[in-house]
Amino acid sequence: MKEDLAHNNLIRFINIARRKDGLFANFKVKGIKGGTTFSASISVDMAAAEVDLGDSLEKIIEECARIAVKEVKKADFQFEGLSAV
């Protein structure tokens, strides 16, 4: 448990992937909050990050991570409900 708390809510860079709809920086996040354990995958469209492919990899990752953190913080999740199952 202590190890989990040391790594709580860290967004980790995984890779940059090319898909047919663009280039994406991929991240994973895991966390524990209020007795709930969660994990998520986040893909940030590099076009939305306003970075140039000539920029350093560190700058690209940092800008995409900033967007990932901002969007995850303001996300409003809703329970789908048992009627949808």
Protein backbone atom coordinates (compact mmCIF):
# COMPACT_ATOMS: atom_id res chain seq x y z
CA MET A 1 0.00 0.00 0.00
CA LYS A 2 2.80 2.40 0.86
CA GLU A 3 4.39 1.83 -2.56
CA ASP A 4 1.03 2.61 -4.19
CA LEU A 5 0.79 5.91 -2.34
CA ALA A 6 4.33 6.87 -3.39
CA HIS A 7 3.28 6.52 -7.02
CA ASN A 8 -0.24 7.89 -6.58
CA ASN A 9 -1.68 10.00 -9.40
CA LEU A 10 1.48 10.02 -11.50
CA ILE A 11 0.94 10.33 -15.21
CA ARG A 12 3.56 8.21 -16.97
CA PHE A 13 4.58 8.67 -20.58
CA ILE A 14 4.24 5.43 -22.55
CA ASN A 15 4.99 6.25 -26.20
CA ILE A 16 4.19 8.29 -29.28
CA ALA A 17 2.03 6.44 -31.77
CA ARG A 18 1.06 7.22 -35.36
CA ARG A 19 -2.53 6.39 -36.24
CA LYS A 20 -4.48 7.13 -39.37
CA ASP A 21 -5.97 10.23 -37.70
CA GLY A 22 -2.65 11.68 -36.47
CA LEU A 23 0.22 11.44 -33.99
CA PHE A 24 -0.63 10.81 -30.35
CA ALA A 25 1.34 10.91 -27.11
CA ASN A 26 0.12 8.08 -24.86
CA PHE A 27 0.13 8.15 -21.06
CA LYS A 28 -1.06 5.94 -18.19
CA VAL A 29 -2.23 7.13 -14.80
CA LYS A 30 -2.94 5.15 -11.63
CA GLY A 31 -4.17 6.50 -8.35
CA ILE A 32 -5.88 5.99 -5.04
CA LYS A 33 -8.29 8.57 -3.68
CA GLY A 34 -11.04 8.28 -1.09
CA GLY A 35 -10.80 4.48 -0.99
CA THR A 36 -11.10 4.20 -4.77
CA THR A 37 -8.33 2.80 -6.92
CA PHE A 38 -8.34 3.92 -10.53
CA SER A 39 -6.29 3.63 -13.69
CA ALA A 40 -6.66 5.26 -17.05
CA SER A 41 -5.05 5.50 -20.45
CA ILE A 42 -4.76 8.96 -21.98
CA SER A 43 -3.94 9.80 -25.60
CA VAL A 44 -3.19 13.40 -26.50
CA ASP A 45 -3.38 14.49 -30.13
CA MET A 46 -0.08 16.23 -30.82
CA ALA A 47 -1.84 18.65 -33.17
CA ALA A 48 -3.89 19.89 -30.20
CA ALA A 49 -0.70 20.36 -28.19
CA GLU A 50 0.61 22.91 -30.68
CA VAL A 51 4.06 21.36 -30.76
CA ASP A 52 6.34 21.06 -33.76
CA LEU A 53 7.87 17.72 -34.68
CA GLY A 54 11.22 19.53 -34.72
CA ASP A 55 10.87 20.32 -30.99
CA SER A 56 12.79 18.23 -28.48
CA LEU A 57 11.10 15.05 -27.30
CA GLU A 58 11.09 16.42 -23.74
CA LYS A 59 9.17 19.54 -24.82
CA ILE A 60 6.62 17.46 -26.76
CA ILE A 61 6.06 15.10 -23.80
CA GLU A 62 5.78 17.97 -21.29
CA GLU A 63 3.24 19.89 -23.36
CA CYS A 64 1.14 16.79 -24.02
CA ALA A 65 1.32 15.82 -20.31
CA ARG A 66 0.15 19.31 -19.32
CA ILE A 67 -2.91 18.88 -21.54
CA ALA A 68 -3.52 15.37 -20.16
CA VAL A 69 -3.46 16.59 -16.55
CA LYS A 70 -5.75 19.54 -17.32
CA GLU A 71 -8.33 17.40 -19.12
CA VAL A 72 -8.33 14.60 -16.54
CA LYS A 73 -8.82 17.11 -13.70
CA LYS A 74 -11.88 18.65 -15.33
CA ALA A 75 -13.40 15.35 -16.53
CA ASP A 76 -16.93 14.72 -15.29
CA PHE A 77 -17.52 10.97 -15.21
CA GLN A 78 -20.98 9.50 -14.89
CA PHE A 79 -22.10 6.00 -13.96
CA GLU A 80 -23.75 4.34 -16.94
CA GLY A 81 -26.23 2.50 -14.72
CA LEU A 82 -27.44 -1.05 -14.63
CA SER A 83 -30.17 -0.44 -17.19
CA ALA A 84 -27.47 -0.09 -19.87
CA VAL A 85 -25.93 -3.47 -19.02
